[in-house]
PDB file of all heavy atoms in Angstrom:
ATOM      1  N   HIS A   1    -118.424-195.602-107.417  1.00  0.00           N
ATOM      2  CA  HIS A   1    -118.301-195.751-108.841  1.00  0.00           C
ATOM      3  C   HIS A   1    -119.803-195.919-109.332  1.00  0.00           C
ATOM      4  O   HIS A   1    -120.732-196.418-108.484  1.00  0.00           O
ATOM      5  CB  HIS A   1    -117.579-197.168-109.100  1.00  0.00           C
ATOM      6  CG  HIS A   1    -117.339-197.399-110.588  1.00  0.00           C
ATOM      7  ND1 HIS A   1    -116.259-196.702-111.276  1.00  0.00           N
ATOM      8  CD2 HIS A   1    -117.967-198.095-111.500  1.00  0.00           C
ATOM      9  CE1 HIS A   1    -116.297-197.058-112.554  1.00  0.00           C
ATOM     10  NE2 HIS A   1    -117.283-198.028-112.793  1.00  0.00           N
ATOM     11  N   ILE A   2    -120.063-195.361-110.497  1.00  0.00           N
ATOM     12  CA  ILE A   2    -121.368-195.453-111.117  1.00  0.00           C
ATOM     13  C   ILE A   2    -121.325-196.065-112.466  1.00  0.00           C
ATOM     14  O   ILE A   2    -120.357-195.976-113.169  1.00  0.00           O
ATOM     15  CB  ILE A   2    -121.954-194.004-111.185  1.00  0.00           C
ATOM     16  CG1 ILE A   2    -122.237-193.402-109.971  1.00  0.00           C
ATOM     17  CG2 ILE A   2    -123.171-193.990-112.182  1.00  0.00           C
ATOM     18  CD1 ILE A   2    -122.756-191.904-109.946  1.00  0.00           C
ATOM     19  N   GLN A   3    -122.298-196.828-112.865  1.00  0.00           N
ATOM     20  CA  GLN A   3    -122.387-197.454-114.155  1.00  0.00           C
ATOM     21  C   GLN A   3    -123.807-197.042-114.785  1.00  0.00           C
ATOM     22  O   GLN A   3    -124.768-196.818-114.071  1.00  0.00           O
ATOM     23  CB  GLN A   3    -122.275-198.900-114.123  1.00  0.00           C
ATOM     24  CG  GLN A   3    -120.793-199.328-113.811  1.00  0.00           C
ATOM     25  CD  GLN A   3    -120.495-200.802-113.702  1.00  0.00           C
ATOM     26  OE1 GLN A   3    -121.538-201.458-113.210  1.00  0.00           O
ATOM     27  NE2 GLN A   3    -119.537-201.446-114.167  1.00  0.00           N
ATOM     28  N   ILE A   4    -123.887-197.031-116.152  1.00  0.00           N
ATOM     29  CA  ILE A   4    -124.993-196.688-116.791  1.00  0.00           C
ATOM     30  C   ILE A   4    -125.297-197.527-117.975  1.00  0.00           C
ATOM     31  O   ILE A   4    -124.604-198.054-118.677  1.00  0.00           O
ATOM     32  CB  ILE A   4    -124.867-195.137-117.373  1.00  0.00           C
ATOM     33  CG1 ILE A   4    -123.559-195.079-118.252  1.00  0.00           C
ATOM     34  CG2 ILE A   4    -124.748-194.216-116.203  1.00  0.00           C
ATOM     35  CD1 ILE A   4    -123.525-193.694-119.044  1.00  0.00           C
ATOM     36  N   ALA A   5    -126.692-197.636-118.201  1.00  0.00           N
ATOM     37  CA  ALA A   5    -127.306-198.221-119.325  1.00  0.00           C
ATOM     38  C   ALA A   5    -128.826-197.966-119.273  1.00  0.00           C
ATOM     39  O   ALA A   5    -129.237-197.400-118.236  1.00  0.00           O
ATOM     40  CB  ALA A   5    -127.135-199.839-119.332  1.00  0.00           C
ATOM     41  N   ASN A   6    -129.538-198.175-120.279  1.00  0.00           N
ATOM     42  CA  ASN A   6    -130.865-197.664-120.239  1.00  0.00           C
ATOM     43  C   ASN A   6    -131.893-198.766-120.517  1.00  0.00           C
ATOM     44  O   ASN A   6    -131.826-199.392-121.479  1.00  0.00           O
ATOM     45  CB  ASN A   6    -131.130-196.557-121.441  1.00  0.00           C
ATOM     46  CG  ASN A   6    -132.141-195.617-121.001  1.00  0.00           C
ATOM     47  OD1 ASN A   6    -133.031-195.813-120.391  1.00  0.00           O
ATOM     48  ND2 ASN A   6    -131.931-194.395-121.522  1.00  0.00           N
ATOM     49  N   PRO A   7    -132.725-199.100-119.608  1.00  0.00           N
ATOM     50  CA  PRO A   7    -133.853-200.121-119.683  1.00  0.00           C
ATOM     51  C   PRO A   7    -134.760-199.589-120.760  1.00  0.00           C
ATOM     52  O   PRO A   7    -134.843-198.331-121.090  1.00  0.00           O
ATOM     53  CB  PRO A   7    -134.508-200.082-118.354  1.00  0.00           C
ATOM     54  CG  PRO A   7    -133.655-199.315-117.353  1.00  0.00           C
ATOM     55  CD  PRO A   7    -132.839-198.378-118.242  1.00  0.00           C
ATOM     56  N   PRO A   8    -135.439-200.573-121.444  1.00  0.00           N
ATOM     57  CA  PRO A   8    -135.671-201.944-120.922  1.00  0.00           C
ATOM     58  C   PRO A   8    -134.552-202.890-121.665  1.00  0.00           C
ATOM     59  O   PRO A   8    -134.523-204.074-121.213  1.00  0.00           O
ATOM     60  CB  PRO A   8    -137.089-202.384-121.532  1.00  0.00           C
ATOM     61  CG  PRO A   8    -137.262-201.447-122.621  1.00  0.00           C
ATOM     62  CD  PRO A   8    -136.565-200.105-122.322  1.00  0.00           C
ATOM     63  N   ASN A   9    -133.867-202.422-122.603  1.00  0.00           N
ATOM     64  CA  ASN A   9    -133.021-203.170-123.427  1.00  0.00           C
ATOM     65  C   ASN A   9    -131.594-203.173-122.997  1.00  0.00           C
ATOM     66  O   ASN A   9    -130.667-203.822-123.638  1.00  0.00           O
ATOM     67  CB  ASN A   9    -133.159-202.913-124.920  1.00  0.00           C
ATOM     68  CG  ASN A   9    -134.413-203.299-125.376  1.00  0.00           C
ATOM     69  OD1 ASN A   9    -135.048-204.310-125.138  1.00  0.00           O
ATOM     70  ND2 ASN A   9    -135.052-202.306-125.968  1.00  0.00           N
ATOM     71  N   ARG A  10    -131.215-202.307-121.999  1.00  0.00           N
ATOM     72  CA  ARG A  10    -129.853-202.146-121.647  1.00  0.00           C
ATOM     73  C   ARG A  10    -129.014-201.454-122.710  1.00  0.00           C
ATOM     74  O   ARG A  10    -127.848-201.752-122.793  1.00  0.00           O
ATOM     75  CB  ARG A  10    -129.157-203.432-121.104  1.00  0.00           C
ATOM     76  CG  ARG A  10    -127.990-203.017-120.041  1.00  0.00           C
ATOM     77  CD  ARG A  10    -127.492-204.401-119.450  1.00  0.00           C
ATOM     78  NE  ARG A  10    -126.430-204.055-118.413  1.00  0.00           N
ATOM     79  CZ  ARG A  10    -125.885-204.841-117.541  1.00  0.00           C
ATOM     80  NH1 ARG A  10    -126.290-206.132-117.701  1.00  0.00           N
ATOM     81  NH2 ARG A  10    -125.115-204.437-116.712  1.00  0.00           N
ATOM     82  N   PHE A  11    -129.683-200.557-123.532  1.00  0.00           N
ATOM     83  CA  PHE A  11    -129.061-199.951-124.490  1.00  0.00           C
ATOM     84  C   PHE A  11    -128.292-198.682-124.073  1.00  0.00           C
ATOM     85  O   PHE A  11    -128.230-198.268-122.786  1.00  0.00           O
ATOM     86  CB  PHE A  11    -129.978-199.543-125.646  1.00  0.00           C
ATOM     87  CG  PHE A  11    -130.531-200.671-126.534  1.00  0.00           C
ATOM     88  CD1 PHE A  11    -131.596-200.585-127.244  1.00  0.00           C
ATOM     89  CD2 PHE A  11    -129.724-201.806-126.534  1.00  0.00           C
ATOM     90  CE1 PHE A  11    -132.062-201.604-128.040  1.00  0.00           C
ATOM     91  CE2 PHE A  11    -130.193-202.968-127.347  1.00  0.00           C
ATOM     92  CZ  PHE A  11    -131.318-202.771-128.097  1.00  0.00           C
ATOM     93  N   GLU A  12    -127.723-197.906-124.962  1.00  0.00           N
ATOM     94  CA  GLU A  12    -127.038-196.656-124.700  1.00  0.00           C
ATOM     95  C   GLU A  12    -127.977-195.691-123.989  1.00  0.00           C
ATOM     96  O   GLU A  12    -129.119-195.665-123.955  1.00  0.00           O
ATOM     97  CB  GLU A  12    -126.570-196.005-126.004  1.00  0.00           C
ATOM     98  CG  GLU A  12    -127.556-195.782-127.065  1.00  0.00           C
ATOM     99  CD  GLU A  12    -127.650-196.967-127.868  1.00  0.00           C
ATOM    100  OE1 GLU A  12    -127.250-198.086-127.659  1.00  0.00           O
ATOM    101  OE2 GLU A  12    -128.477-196.799-128.953  1.00  0.00           O
ATOM    102  N   PRO A  13    -127.394-194.620-123.211  1.00  0.00           N
ATOM    103  CA  PRO A  13    -128.127-193.738-122.416  1.00  0.00           C
ATOM    104  C   PRO A  13    -129.265-192.997-123.089  1.00  0.00           C
ATOM    105  O   PRO A  13    -130.225-192.680-122.392  1.00  0.00           O
ATOM    106  CB  PRO A  13    -127.133-192.794-121.828  1.00  0.00           C
ATOM    107  CG  PRO A  13    -125.880-193.565-121.830  1.00  0.00           C
ATOM    108  CD  PRO A  13    -125.878-194.504-123.014  1.00  0.00           C
ATOM    109  N   ASP A  14    -129.108-192.699-124.387  1.00  0.00           N
ATOM    110  CA  ASP A  14    -130.313-192.011-125.104  1.00  0.00           C
ATOM    111  C   ASP A  14    -131.207-192.866-125.781  1.00  0.00           C
ATOM    112  O   ASP A  14    -131.996-192.442-126.717  1.00  0.00           O
ATOM    113  CB  ASP A  14    -129.705-190.902-126.073  1.00  0.00           C
ATOM    114  CG  ASP A  14    -128.808-191.585-127.148  1.00  0.00           C
ATOM    115  OD1 ASP A  14    -128.503-192.682-127.092  1.00  0.00           O
ATOM    116  OD2 ASP A  14    -128.265-190.780-128.085  1.00  0.00           O
ATOM    117  N   ASN A  15    -131.277-194.177-125.391  1.00  0.00           N
ATOM    118  CA  ASN A  15    -132.206-195.114-126.081  1.00  0.00           C
ATOM    119  C   ASN A  15    -132.833-195.993-125.057  1.00  0.00           C
ATOM    120  O   ASN A  15    -132.391-197.038-124.672  1.00  0.00           O
ATOM    121  CB  ASN A  15    -131.395-196.036-126.946  1.00  0.00           C
ATOM    122  CG  ASN A  15    -132.166-196.961-127.874  1.00  0.00           C
ATOM    123  OD1 ASN A  15    -133.391-197.118-127.616  1.00  0.00           O
ATOM    124  ND2 ASN A  15    -131.611-197.563-128.922  1.00  0.00           N
ATOM    125  N   GLY A  16    -133.869-195.375-124.358  1.00  0.00           N
ATOM    126  CA  GLY A  16    -134.609-196.128-123.384  1.00  0.00           C
ATOM    127  C   GLY A  16    -135.507-195.193-122.532  1.00  0.00           C
ATOM    128  O   GLY A  16    -135.792-194.079-122.909  1.00  0.00           O
ATOM    129  N   GLU A  17    -135.872-195.688-121.288  1.00  0.00           N
ATOM    130  CA  GLU A  17    -136.846-195.029-120.508  1.00  0.00           C
ATOM    131  C   GLU A  17    -136.289-194.063-119.589  1.00  0.00           C
ATOM    132  O   GLU A  17    -136.995-193.218-118.971  1.00  0.00           O
ATOM    133  CB  GLU A  17    -137.669-196.176-119.743  1.00  0.00           C
ATOM    134  CG  GLU A  17    -136.807-196.844-118.700  1.00  0.00           C
ATOM    135  CD  GLU A  17    -137.651-198.093-118.080  1.00  0.00           C
ATOM    136  OE1 GLU A  17    -138.287-198.784-118.834  1.00  0.00           O
ATOM    137  OE2 GLU A  17    -137.412-198.227-116.853  1.00  0.00           O
ATOM    138  N   ILE A  18    -134.879-194.067-119.245  1.00  0.00           N
ATOM    139  CA  ILE A  18    -134.350-193.190-118.299  1.00  0.00           C
ATOM    140  C   ILE A  18    -133.994-191.741-118.901  1.00  0.00           C
ATOM    141  O   ILE A  18    -133.358-191.850-120.024  1.00  0.00           O
ATOM    142  CB  ILE A  18    -133.188-193.743-117.611  1.00  0.00           C
ATOM    143  CG1 ILE A  18    -133.541-194.959-116.788  1.00  0.00           C
ATOM    144  CG2 ILE A  18    -132.550-192.621-116.658  1.00  0.00           C
ATOM    145  CD1 ILE A  18    -132.407-195.772-116.218  1.00  0.00           C
ATOM    146  N   ASN A  19    -134.267-190.655-118.331  1.00  0.00           N
ATOM    147  CA  ASN A  19    -133.836-189.260-118.772  1.00  0.00           C
ATOM    148  C   ASN A  19    -132.357-189.071-118.219  1.00  0.00           C
ATOM    149  O   ASN A  19    -132.195-188.359-117.197  1.00  0.00           O
ATOM    150  CB  ASN A  19    -134.896-188.327-118.201  1.00  0.00           C
ATOM    151  CG  ASN A  19    -134.466-186.886-118.705  1.00  0.00           C
ATOM    152  OD1 ASN A  19    -133.553-186.664-119.577  1.00  0.00           O
ATOM    153  ND2 ASN A  19    -135.140-185.939-118.251  1.00  0.00           N
ATOM    154  N   TYR A  20    -131.293-189.468-119.002  1.00  0.00           N
ATOM    155  CA  TYR A  20    -130.040-189.457-118.524  1.00  0.00           C
ATOM    156  C   TYR A  20    -129.506-188.082-118.541  1.00  0.00           C
ATOM    157  O   TYR A  20    -128.740-187.564-117.703  1.00  0.00           O
ATOM    158  CB  TYR A  20    -129.147-190.343-119.323  1.00  0.00           C
ATOM    159  CG  TYR A  20    -128.994-191.666-118.742  1.00  0.00           C
ATOM    160  CD1 TYR A  20    -129.594-192.818-119.184  1.00  0.00           C
ATOM    161  CD2 TYR A  20    -128.182-191.761-117.494  1.00  0.00           C
ATOM    162  CE1 TYR A  20    -129.370-194.059-118.534  1.00  0.00           C
ATOM    163  CE2 TYR A  20    -128.070-193.056-116.854  1.00  0.00           C
ATOM    164  CZ  TYR A  20    -128.726-194.202-117.352  1.00  0.00           C
ATOM    165  OH  TYR A  20    -128.538-195.358-116.757  1.00  0.00           O
ATOM    166  N   PRO A  21    -129.900-187.126-119.423  1.00  0.00           N
ATOM    167  CA  PRO A  21    -129.365-185.702-119.386  1.00  0.00           C
ATOM    168  C   PRO A  21    -129.677-185.077-118.032  1.00  0.00           C
ATOM    169  O   PRO A  21    -128.888-184.466-117.405  1.00  0.00           O
ATOM    170  CB  PRO A  21    -130.173-184.983-120.508  1.00  0.00           C
ATOM    171  CG  PRO A  21    -130.301-186.032-121.540  1.00  0.00           C
ATOM    172  CD  PRO A  21    -130.618-187.308-120.731  1.00  0.00           C
ATOM    173  N   TYR A  22    -130.926-185.369-117.582  1.00  0.00           N
ATOM    174  CA  TYR A  22    -131.298-184.956-116.171  1.00  0.00           C
ATOM    175  C   TYR A  22    -130.348-185.463-115.094  1.00  0.00           C
ATOM    176  O   TYR A  22    -129.905-184.706-114.228  1.00  0.00           O
ATOM    177  CB  TYR A  22    -132.671-185.282-115.867  1.00  0.00           C
ATOM    178  CG  TYR A  22    -133.272-184.764-114.557  1.00  0.00           C
ATOM    179  CD1 TYR A  22    -133.881-183.485-114.463  1.00  0.00           C
ATOM    180  CD2 TYR A  22    -133.237-185.507-113.424  1.00  0.00           C
ATOM    181  CE1 TYR A  22    -134.354-182.868-113.230  1.00  0.00           C
ATOM    182  CE2 TYR A  22    -133.702-184.972-112.082  1.00  0.00           C
ATOM    183  CZ  TYR A  22    -134.238-183.738-112.100  1.00  0.00           C
ATOM    184  OH  TYR A  22    -134.625-183.337-110.927  1.00  0.00           O
ATOM    185  N   ILE A  23    -130.094-186.783-115.141  1.00  0.00           N
ATOM    186  CA  ILE A  23    -129.164-187.392-114.187  1.00  0.00           C
ATOM    187  C   ILE A  23    -127.828-186.906-114.234  1.00  0.00           C
ATOM    188  O   ILE A  23    -127.217-186.578-113.294  1.00  0.00           O
ATOM    189  CB  ILE A  23    -129.198-188.899-114.344  1.00  0.00           C
ATOM    190  CG1 ILE A  23    -130.641-189.449-113.944  1.00  0.00           C
ATOM    191  CG2 ILE A  23    -128.170-189.649-113.541  1.00  0.00           C
ATOM    192  CD1 ILE A  23    -130.866-190.965-114.209  1.00  0.00           C
ATOM    193  N   PHE A  24    -127.276-186.636-115.472  1.00  0.00           N
ATOM    194  CA  PHE A  24    -125.937-186.160-115.620  1.00  0.00           C
ATOM    195  C   PHE A  24    -125.872-184.736-115.126  1.00  0.00           C
ATOM    196  O   PHE A  24    -124.829-184.521-114.463  1.00  0.00           O
ATOM    197  CB  PHE A  24    -125.505-186.233-117.111  1.00  0.00           C
ATOM    198  CG  PHE A  24    -125.336-187.615-117.684  1.00  0.00           C
ATOM    199  CD1 PHE A  24    -125.624-187.756-119.073  1.00  0.00           C
ATOM    200  CD2 PHE A  24    -125.086-188.671-117.034  1.00  0.00           C
ATOM    201  CE1 PHE A  24    -125.443-189.009-119.602  1.00  0.00           C
ATOM    202  CE2 PHE A  24    -124.896-189.920-117.614  1.00  0.00           C
ATOM    203  CZ  PHE A  24    -125.101-190.087-118.864  1.00  0.00           C
ATOM    204  N   ASP A  25    -126.832-183.938-115.421  1.00  0.00           N
ATOM    205  CA  ASP A  25    -126.798-182.590-114.724  1.00  0.00           C
ATOM    206  C   ASP A  25    -126.664-182.752-113.287  1.00  0.00           C
ATOM    207  O   ASP A  25    -126.103-181.811-112.640  1.00  0.00           O
ATOM    208  CB  ASP A  25    -128.041-181.867-115.287  1.00  0.00           C
ATOM    209  CG  ASP A  25    -127.995-181.402-116.780  1.00  0.00           C
ATOM    210  OD1 ASP A  25    -126.842-181.495-117.302  1.00  0.00           O
ATOM    211  OD2 ASP A  25    -128.964-180.923-117.298  1.00  0.00           O
ATOM    212  N   LEU A  26    -127.551-183.598-112.724  1.00  0.00           N
ATOM    213  CA  LEU A  26    -127.549-183.600-111.176  1.00  0.00           C
ATOM    214  C   LEU A  26    -126.292-184.179-110.655  1.00  0.00           C
ATOM    215  O   LEU A  26    -125.749-183.480-109.645  1.00  0.00           O
ATOM    216  CB  LEU A  26    -128.633-184.680-110.805  1.00  0.00           C
ATOM    217  CG  LEU A  26    -128.754-184.777-109.215  1.00  0.00           C
ATOM    218  CD1 LEU A  26    -130.015-184.313-108.713  1.00  0.00           C
ATOM    219  CD2 LEU A  26    -128.471-186.215-108.945  1.00  0.00           C
TER     220      LEU A  26
END
């Protein structure tokens, strides 16, 4: 199981420091 949120504020995937489109593609 995987869970997602984006640091530093634990906001939605497109609001923060992680490049989620890259992760989703992988």
